[in-house]
N, C-alpha and C. Protein backbone atom coordinates (compact mmCIF):
# COMPACT_ATOMS: atom_id res chain seq x y z
N MET A 1 37.36 -16.16 -41.97
CA MET A 1 36.15 -15.27 -41.59
C MET A 1 37.23 -14.62 -40.42
N THR A 2 37.32 -13.16 -40.24
CA THR A 2 37.60 -12.88 -38.94
C THR A 2 36.70 -12.50 -38.51
N ILE A 3 37.16 -12.69 -37.12
CA ILE A 3 35.83 -12.44 -36.18
C ILE A 3 36.61 -10.80 -35.80
N ASP A 4 36.19 -9.70 -35.32
CA ASP A 4 36.58 -8.46 -34.87
C ASP A 4 36.22 -8.21 -33.73
N LEU A 5 36.78 -8.68 -32.27
CA LEU A 5 36.08 -9.38 -31.27
C LEU A 5 36.28 -7.89 -30.37
N HIS A 6 36.54 -5.99 -31.01
CA HIS A 6 36.43 -5.63 -30.09
C HIS A 6 34.72 -4.72 -30.55
N SER A 7 34.43 -5.33 -32.09
CA SER A 7 33.03 -4.58 -32.60
C SER A 7 32.45 -5.33 -31.61
N GLU A 8 31.96 -6.66 -31.48
CA GLU A 8 32.04 -7.69 -30.13
C GLU A 8 31.33 -7.26 -29.18
N ARG A 9 31.77 -7.04 -28.83
CA ARG A 9 32.08 -6.94 -27.17
C ARG A 9 31.51 -4.81 -26.97
N SER A 10 31.80 -4.27 -28.57
CA SER A 10 31.24 -3.04 -27.98
C SER A 10 29.53 -2.94 -28.49
N GLN A 11 29.05 -3.82 -29.55
CA GLN A 11 27.59 -4.33 -29.42
C GLN A 11 26.96 -4.85 -28.27
N LEU A 12 28.05 -5.77 -27.22
CA LEU A 12 27.57 -5.98 -26.11
C LEU A 12 27.17 -5.57 -25.79
N SER A 13 28.29 -4.38 -25.08
CA SER A 13 28.03 -3.63 -24.21
C SER A 13 27.41 -2.74 -24.61
N GLY A 14 26.83 -2.03 -26.14
CA GLY A 14 25.42 -1.27 -26.29
C GLY A 14 24.63 -2.13 -26.24
N ARG A 15 24.12 -3.24 -25.89
CA ARG A 15 23.06 -3.90 -25.70
C ARG A 15 22.26 -3.82 -24.66
N TRP A 16 23.71 -4.52 -23.43
CA TRP A 16 23.30 -4.22 -22.00
C TRP A 16 23.00 -2.57 -21.53
N ILE A 17 23.79 -1.29 -22.24
CA ILE A 17 23.35 -0.61 -21.49
C ILE A 17 21.82 0.16 -22.35
N GLN A 18 21.44 -0.62 -23.26
CA GLN A 18 20.09 -0.23 -23.72
C GLN A 18 18.71 -1.23 -22.71
N ILE A 19 19.37 -2.53 -22.44
CA ILE A 19 18.65 -2.94 -21.71
C ILE A 19 18.50 -2.59 -20.06
N GLY A 20 19.57 -2.04 -19.34
CA GLY A 20 20.07 -1.70 -18.34
C GLY A 20 19.25 -0.67 -18.52
N PHE A 21 18.98 0.49 -19.42
CA PHE A 21 17.96 1.61 -20.04
C PHE A 21 16.66 1.75 -20.07
N LEU A 22 15.83 0.52 -20.57
CA LEU A 22 14.57 -0.44 -20.17
C LEU A 22 14.38 -0.89 -18.56
N ALA A 23 15.07 -0.95 -18.48
CA ALA A 23 14.35 -1.38 -16.53
C ALA A 23 14.30 -0.17 -16.42
N ILE A 24 15.28 0.56 -16.16
CA ILE A 24 15.14 1.85 -15.16
C ILE A 24 13.96 2.67 -16.15
N ALA A 25 13.87 2.49 -16.95
CA ALA A 25 12.29 3.24 -17.58
C ALA A 25 11.11 2.21 -17.00
N VAL A 26 11.20 1.07 -16.90
CA VAL A 26 10.22 -0.20 -16.39
C VAL A 26 9.93 0.42 -14.95
N LEU A 27 11.13 0.66 -14.14
CA LEU A 27 10.74 1.24 -12.58
C LEU A 27 10.05 2.36 -12.41
N PHE A 28 10.90 3.53 -13.45
CA PHE A 28 10.44 4.76 -13.53
C PHE A 28 8.53 5.07 -13.26
N ASN A 29 8.60 4.10 -14.62
CA ASN A 29 7.19 4.08 -14.67
C ASN A 29 6.57 3.61 -13.96
N LEU A 30 6.94 2.71 -12.91
CA LEU A 30 6.27 1.62 -12.09
C LEU A 30 6.10 2.24 -10.45
N CYS A 31 6.63 3.47 -10.47
CA CYS A 31 7.31 4.43 -9.30
C CYS A 31 5.74 5.52 -10.13
N LEU A 32 5.42 5.82 -11.37
CA LEU A 32 4.91 6.97 -11.16
C LEU A 32 3.18 6.81 -10.77
N VAL A 33 3.36 5.17 -11.09
CA VAL A 33 2.13 4.25 -10.59
C VAL A 33 2.03 4.11 -8.96
N ALA A 34 2.56 4.10 -8.79
CA ALA A 34 2.59 4.54 -6.97
C ALA A 34 2.69 5.42 -6.75
N GLN A 35 3.10 6.84 -7.35
CA GLN A 35 2.23 7.44 -7.57
C GLN A 35 1.07 7.96 -7.32
N LEU A 36 0.48 7.64 -8.31
CA LEU A 36 -0.89 7.34 -8.44
C LEU A 36 -1.62 7.56 -7.55
N LEU A 37 -1.29 6.18 -7.38
CA LEU A 37 -2.47 4.89 -6.14
C LEU A 37 -2.03 6.09 -4.92
N THR A 38 -0.75 6.47 -4.36
CA THR A 38 -0.82 7.06 -2.80
C THR A 38 -1.19 8.87 -3.18
N VAL A 39 -1.44 9.73 -4.35
CA VAL A 39 -2.15 10.95 -4.63
C VAL A 39 -3.88 10.65 -4.34
N GLY A 40 -4.14 9.14 -4.98
CA GLY A 40 -5.66 9.22 -4.88
C GLY A 40 -5.94 8.60 -3.62
N LEU A 41 -5.35 7.83 -2.86
CA LEU A 41 -5.10 7.67 -1.27
C LEU A 41 -5.47 8.69 -0.19
N ALA A 42 -4.18 9.55 -0.57
CA ALA A 42 -4.77 10.64 0.36
C ALA A 42 -5.72 11.41 -0.02
N VAL A 43 -6.08 11.50 -1.02
CA VAL A 43 -7.35 12.20 -1.79
C VAL A 43 -8.68 11.85 -1.27
N PHE A 44 -9.01 10.19 -1.11
CA PHE A 44 -10.07 9.71 -1.50
C PHE A 44 -10.16 8.86 0.19
N TYR A 45 -9.02 8.66 0.42
CA TYR A 45 -9.20 7.74 1.95
C TYR A 45 -8.81 8.15 3.07
N ASP A 46 -6.93 8.33 3.10
CA ASP A 46 -6.53 8.83 4.33
C ASP A 46 -5.68 10.47 4.07
N PRO A 47 -5.22 11.62 4.66
CA PRO A 47 -4.54 12.21 4.20
C PRO A 47 -3.13 12.57 4.72
N ALA A 48 -3.06 11.23 5.16
CA ALA A 48 -1.50 10.71 5.67
C ALA A 48 -0.96 9.77 4.39
N TRP A 49 -1.28 9.57 3.21
CA TRP A 49 -1.06 8.97 2.31
C TRP A 49 -0.15 10.37 1.47
N TRP A 50 -0.34 11.97 1.86
CA TRP A 50 0.52 12.71 0.92
C TRP A 50 1.80 12.52 1.45
N SER A 51 2.42 12.20 2.28
CA SER A 51 4.27 12.04 2.62
C SER A 51 4.05 10.81 2.25
N ILE A 52 3.47 9.92 2.35
CA ILE A 52 4.57 8.89 1.13
C ILE A 52 4.19 9.85 0.18
N HIS A 53 3.88 10.23 -0.78
CA HIS A 53 3.55 10.50 -2.11
C HIS A 53 4.46 11.25 -2.70
N VAL A 54 4.75 12.04 -1.15
CA VAL A 54 5.91 13.18 -1.30
C VAL A 54 7.54 12.49 -1.46
N TRP A 55 7.52 11.95 -0.19
CA TRP A 55 8.29 10.63 -0.60
C TRP A 55 8.61 9.92 -1.47
N LEU A 56 8.24 9.55 -2.08
CA LEU A 56 8.42 8.52 -3.58
C LEU A 56 9.02 9.63 -4.60
N VAL A 57 8.84 10.57 -4.89
CA VAL A 57 8.95 11.54 -5.40
C VAL A 57 10.80 12.15 -5.87
N ARG A 58 10.92 12.11 -4.04
CA ARG A 58 12.12 12.53 -3.62
C ARG A 58 13.08 11.35 -3.66
N ARG A 59 11.82 10.12 -3.36
CA ARG A 59 13.00 8.93 -3.98
C ARG A 59 13.28 8.49 -5.58
N TYR A 60 12.57 8.23 -6.66
CA TYR A 60 12.53 8.15 -7.82
C TYR A 60 13.24 9.02 -8.58
N GLY A 61 12.61 10.20 -8.14
CA GLY A 61 13.57 11.24 -9.17
C GLY A 61 14.75 11.31 -9.85
N GLY A 62 15.67 11.03 -9.19
CA GLY A 62 16.94 10.80 -9.95
C GLY A 62 17.37 9.45 -10.92
N LEU A 63 15.76 8.82 -11.03
CA LEU A 63 16.02 7.49 -12.12
C LEU A 63 16.41 8.34 -13.59
N VAL A 64 15.69 9.74 -13.48
CA VAL A 64 15.42 10.21 -15.03
C VAL A 64 16.47 10.92 -15.04
N ILE A 65 18.01 11.22 -14.22
CA ILE A 65 19.29 11.44 -14.28
C ILE A 65 20.20 10.31 -15.36
N LEU A 66 19.59 8.86 -14.39
CA LEU A 66 20.13 7.60 -15.57
C LEU A 66 19.45 7.68 -16.82
N LEU A 67 18.76 7.83 -17.29
CA LEU A 67 17.70 7.63 -18.38
C LEU A 67 18.30 8.77 -19.25
N LEU A 68 18.79 9.89 -18.67
CA LEU A 68 19.59 10.64 -19.57
C LEU A 68 20.66 10.13 -19.93
N ALA A 69 21.41 9.81 -18.81
CA ALA A 69 22.74 9.11 -18.87
C ALA A 69 23.20 7.87 -19.76
N GLY A 70 21.99 7.07 -19.65
CA GLY A 70 21.46 6.02 -20.76
C GLY A 70 21.83 6.60 -22.46
N PHE A 71 21.24 7.74 -22.77
CA PHE A 71 20.89 8.25 -24.20
C PHE A 71 21.66 8.46 -25.05
N PHE A 72 22.94 8.99 -23.83
CA PHE A 72 24.14 9.69 -23.82
C PHE A 72 25.40 8.39 -24.27
N ILE A 73 24.71 7.98 -23.78
CA ILE A 73 25.93 6.84 -23.73
C ILE A 73 25.96 5.85 -24.86
N ASN A 74 24.41 5.83 -25.46
CA ASN A 74 24.26 4.60 -26.50
C ASN A 74 23.48 5.46 -26.96
N SER A 75 22.94 4.80 -28.66
CA SER A 75 23.15 5.95 -29.29
C SER A 75 21.22 5.12 -29.50
N PHE A 76 20.22 6.16 -29.36
CA PHE A 76 18.34 5.52 -29.20
C PHE A 76 18.15 6.76 -30.48
N PRO A 77 17.14 5.42 -31.06
CA PRO A 77 16.02 6.67 -31.93
C PRO A 77 16.44 8.20 -31.20
N ARG A 78 15.18 9.42 -32.19
CA ARG A 78 15.45 10.55 -31.92
C ARG A 78 14.43 10.38 -31.16
N LYS A 79 12.63 9.65 -31.32
CA LYS A 79 11.83 9.63 -30.83
C LYS A 79 12.14 8.91 -29.12
N ILE A 80 12.99 8.10 -28.55
CA ILE A 80 13.72 7.95 -27.50
C ILE A 80 14.28 8.58 -26.80
N LYS A 81 14.81 9.75 -27.41
CA LYS A 81 15.60 10.83 -27.01
C LYS A 81 14.71 11.65 -26.81
N MET A 82 13.84 11.64 -27.53
CA MET A 82 12.92 13.24 -27.44
C MET A 82 12.12 12.46 -26.52
N LEU A 83 11.56 11.73 -25.34
CA LEU A 83 10.30 11.21 -24.51
C LEU A 83 11.28 11.28 -23.28
N THR A 84 13.14 11.05 -23.75
CA THR A 84 13.54 10.83 -22.03
C THR A 84 14.06 12.88 -21.83
N GLY A 85 13.83 13.53 -22.32
CA GLY A 85 14.02 14.39 -22.40
C GLY A 85 13.02 15.39 -21.84
N SER A 86 12.12 14.84 -22.21
CA SER A 86 10.38 15.63 -21.56
C SER A 86 10.18 14.96 -20.61
N LEU A 87 10.64 13.75 -19.86
CA LEU A 87 10.62 12.92 -18.60
C LEU A 87 10.91 14.29 -17.95
N ALA A 88 11.96 14.47 -18.65
CA ALA A 88 12.91 15.25 -17.06
C ALA A 88 12.61 16.76 -17.06
N THR A 89 11.94 17.86 -18.05
CA THR A 89 10.90 18.25 -18.02
C THR A 89 9.96 18.49 -17.54
N LEU A 90 9.03 17.15 -17.49
CA LEU A 90 8.27 17.38 -17.03
C LEU A 90 8.35 17.47 -15.79
N LEU A 91 9.13 16.12 -15.26
CA LEU A 91 9.80 16.32 -13.13
C LEU A 91 9.77 17.78 -12.77
N VAL A 92 10.46 18.41 -13.88
CA VAL A 92 10.82 20.14 -12.99
C VAL A 92 9.42 20.82 -13.47
N LEU A 93 8.80 20.28 -14.01
CA LEU A 93 7.24 21.23 -14.26
C LEU A 93 6.73 21.44 -13.04
N GLN A 94 6.76 19.86 -12.02
CA GLN A 94 6.04 19.19 -11.40
C GLN A 94 6.16 20.08 -10.52
N PHE A 95 7.56 20.15 -10.21
CA PHE A 95 8.34 20.74 -9.02
C PHE A 95 8.37 22.05 -8.74
N ILE A 96 8.15 22.75 -9.63
CA ILE A 96 7.74 25.01 -9.85
C ILE A 96 6.05 24.69 -9.85
N THR A 97 5.68 23.71 -10.39
CA THR A 97 3.86 23.85 -10.13
C THR A 97 3.62 23.44 -8.90
N ILE A 98 4.62 22.68 -8.06
CA ILE A 98 4.44 22.33 -6.62
C ILE A 98 4.52 22.95 -5.24
N HIS A 99 5.94 23.87 -5.85
CA HIS A 99 6.77 24.37 -4.99
C HIS A 99 6.98 26.30 -4.86
N PHE A 100 6.47 27.18 -6.02
CA PHE A 100 5.98 27.86 -6.81
C PHE A 100 4.86 28.51 -7.13
N ASN A 101 3.56 28.45 -6.49
CA ASN A 101 2.55 28.87 -6.24
C ASN A 101 2.86 30.49 -6.10
N HIS A 102 3.16 31.29 -5.77
CA HIS A 102 2.59 32.33 -5.72
C HIS A 102 3.46 33.62 -7.38
N PRO A 103 2.94 34.46 -7.60
CA PRO A 103 1.34 34.55 -7.65
C PRO A 103 0.61 34.27 -7.66
N VAL A 104 0.38 33.23 -9.19
CA VAL A 104 -0.28 32.31 -9.88
C VAL A 104 -0.34 31.11 -9.49
N PRO A 105 -0.94 30.70 -9.15
CA PRO A 105 -1.95 29.37 -8.59
C PRO A 105 -1.28 28.01 -9.66
N LEU A 106 0.39 28.16 -9.63
CA LEU A 106 0.51 26.86 -10.32
C LEU A 106 -0.16 25.24 -10.19
N GLY A 107 -0.27 25.66 -9.42
CA GLY A 107 -0.54 24.15 -8.66
C GLY A 107 -2.01 23.26 -9.60
N VAL A 108 -2.68 24.47 -10.27
CA VAL A 108 -4.06 23.11 -11.03
C VAL A 108 -3.45 22.66 -11.74
N LEU A 109 -1.97 22.95 -12.50
CA LEU A 109 -1.40 22.44 -13.53
C LEU A 109 -0.41 21.05 -13.49
N HIS A 110 -0.60 20.96 -11.59
CA HIS A 110 -0.03 19.77 -11.40
C HIS A 110 -0.80 18.15 -11.50
N PRO A 111 -1.93 18.26 -11.93
CA PRO A 111 -2.45 17.25 -12.11
C PRO A 111 -2.16 16.58 -13.77
N LEU A 112 -2.15 17.71 -14.23
CA LEU A 112 -2.30 17.78 -15.95
C LEU A 112 -0.64 17.20 -16.16
N ILE A 113 0.27 18.15 -15.26
CA ILE A 113 1.74 17.58 -16.06
C ILE A 113 1.80 15.90 -15.43
N GLY A 114 1.09 15.95 -14.35
CA GLY A 114 1.55 14.44 -14.02
C GLY A 114 1.17 13.70 -14.86
N PHE A 115 -0.27 13.60 -15.44
CA PHE A 115 -0.53 12.79 -16.65
C PHE A 115 0.23 12.84 -17.55
N SER A 116 0.80 14.09 -17.95
CA SER A 116 1.46 14.07 -19.17
C SER A 116 3.20 13.25 -18.85
N LEU A 117 3.17 13.51 -17.45
CA LEU A 117 4.43 12.77 -17.45
C LEU A 117 4.15 10.88 -17.13
N PHE A 118 3.12 10.89 -16.45
CA PHE A 118 2.84 9.52 -17.19
C PHE A 118 2.70 8.70 -18.50
N THR A 119 1.81 9.64 -19.01
CA THR A 119 2.07 9.39 -20.60
C THR A 119 3.17 8.82 -21.35
N SER A 120 4.04 10.06 -21.08
CA SER A 120 5.38 10.30 -21.79
C SER A 120 6.22 9.39 -21.41
N SER A 121 6.43 8.58 -19.86
CA SER A 121 6.84 7.26 -19.31
C SER A 121 6.29 6.29 -19.83
N THR A 122 5.24 6.13 -20.20
CA THR A 122 4.72 4.98 -20.77
C THR A 122 4.93 4.64 -21.94
N THR A 123 4.98 6.00 -23.01
CA THR A 123 5.36 5.98 -24.39
C THR A 123 6.46 5.59 -24.47
N LEU A 124 7.56 5.84 -23.62
CA LEU A 124 9.19 5.63 -23.32
C LEU A 124 9.35 4.14 -23.11
N VAL A 125 8.89 3.44 -21.99
CA VAL A 125 9.14 2.34 -21.97
C VAL A 125 8.42 1.26 -23.38
N HIS A 126 7.42 1.71 -23.64
CA HIS A 126 6.83 1.29 -25.38
C HIS A 126 7.81 1.25 -26.00
N ARG A 127 8.35 2.00 -26.69
CA ARG A 127 9.28 2.43 -27.19
C ARG A 127 10.73 1.35 -27.04
N ALA A 128 11.11 1.66 -26.05
CA ALA A 128 13.08 1.57 -25.89
C ALA A 128 12.59 -0.34 -25.63
N TRP A 129 11.27 -0.54 -25.29
CA TRP A 129 11.43 -2.22 -25.58
C TRP A 129 10.85 -2.62 -26.39
N ARG A 130 10.49 -1.90 -27.68
CA ARG A 130 10.26 -1.83 -28.88
C ARG A 130 11.93 -2.37 -29.13
N GLU A 131 12.70 -1.02 -29.25
CA GLU A 131 14.37 -1.29 -29.78
C GLU A 131 15.03 -1.90 -29.22
N VAL A 132 14.64 -2.66 -28.10
CA VAL A 132 16.10 -3.51 -27.65
C VAL A 132 15.26 -5.00 -27.73
N PHE A 133 14.11 -4.99 -27.65
CA PHE A 133 14.35 -6.48 -28.27
C PHE A 133 13.27 -6.28 -29.53
N ASN A 134 13.68 -5.57 -30.03
CA ASN A 134 13.49 -5.93 -31.92
C ASN A 134 15.07 -5.93 -32.15
N GLU A 135 15.60 -5.54 -31.86
CA GLU A 135 16.94 -5.60 -31.75
C GLU A 135 17.72 -6.48 -30.90
N LEU A 136 17.63 -7.17 -30.38
CA LEU A 136 17.80 -8.42 -30.06
C LEU A 136 17.45 -9.96 -30.67
N GLU A 137 16.21 -9.92 -31.57
CA GLU A 137 16.11 -10.78 -31.91
C GLU A 137 17.14 -10.56 -33.02
N THR A 138 16.69 -9.36 -33.93
CA THR A 138 18.13 -8.96 -35.06
C THR A 138 19.08 -9.72 -35.60
N VAL A 139 19.67 -9.59 -34.05
CA VAL A 139 21.08 -10.01 -33.02
C VAL A 139 21.51 -11.72 -33.55
N GLU A 140 20.16 -12.58 -32.77
CA GLU A 140 19.98 -13.50 -33.10
C GLU A 140 19.91 -14.51 -33.70
N LEU A 141 18.63 -13.95 -34.74
CA LEU A 141 18.39 -14.46 -36.32
C LEU A 141 20.24 -14.38 -37.07
N THR A 142 20.99 -12.96 -37.25
CA THR A 142 22.20 -13.42 -37.65
C THR A 142 23.22 -13.74 -37.07
N GLU A 143 23.19 -14.16 -35.91
CA GLU A 143 24.31 -15.13 -35.20
C GLU A 143 23.87 -16.51 -35.50
N THR A 144 22.60 -17.19 -35.66
CA THR A 144 22.09 -18.40 -36.20
C THR A 144 22.59 -18.54 -37.81
N TYR A 145 22.83 -17.48 -38.27
CA TYR A 145 22.06 -17.60 -40.09
C TYR A 145 24.26 -17.55 -40.21
């Protein structure tokens, strides 16, 4: 029985990329939860929370670029690729709706797009989780037999 070390290293590298992708997707989703909390605090408690709401999106927006890079480096199912692309698109639309409101008040779409962003992000986390842990389970089963 011969062992193809290059193939094993390649699989291990791909697995780590998938785990990293999942970690970034979870972090992005948690940042969206923080966005929702800060917007709620700004509307219902103290408008000073708006600055934190804006600060957050400027900090975590770059995670989408890492997610896009992750799915270009590693092969993921089509659904995960579509969800990742939709996150980038929705984030751009969020920026457009908040910064370009003339002559049409696009800001009215901002909460709806935010909801879509959160839903897509949560779905991505679930899909990526299933992909990573089902694959790990399959690899562990084949290694024990």
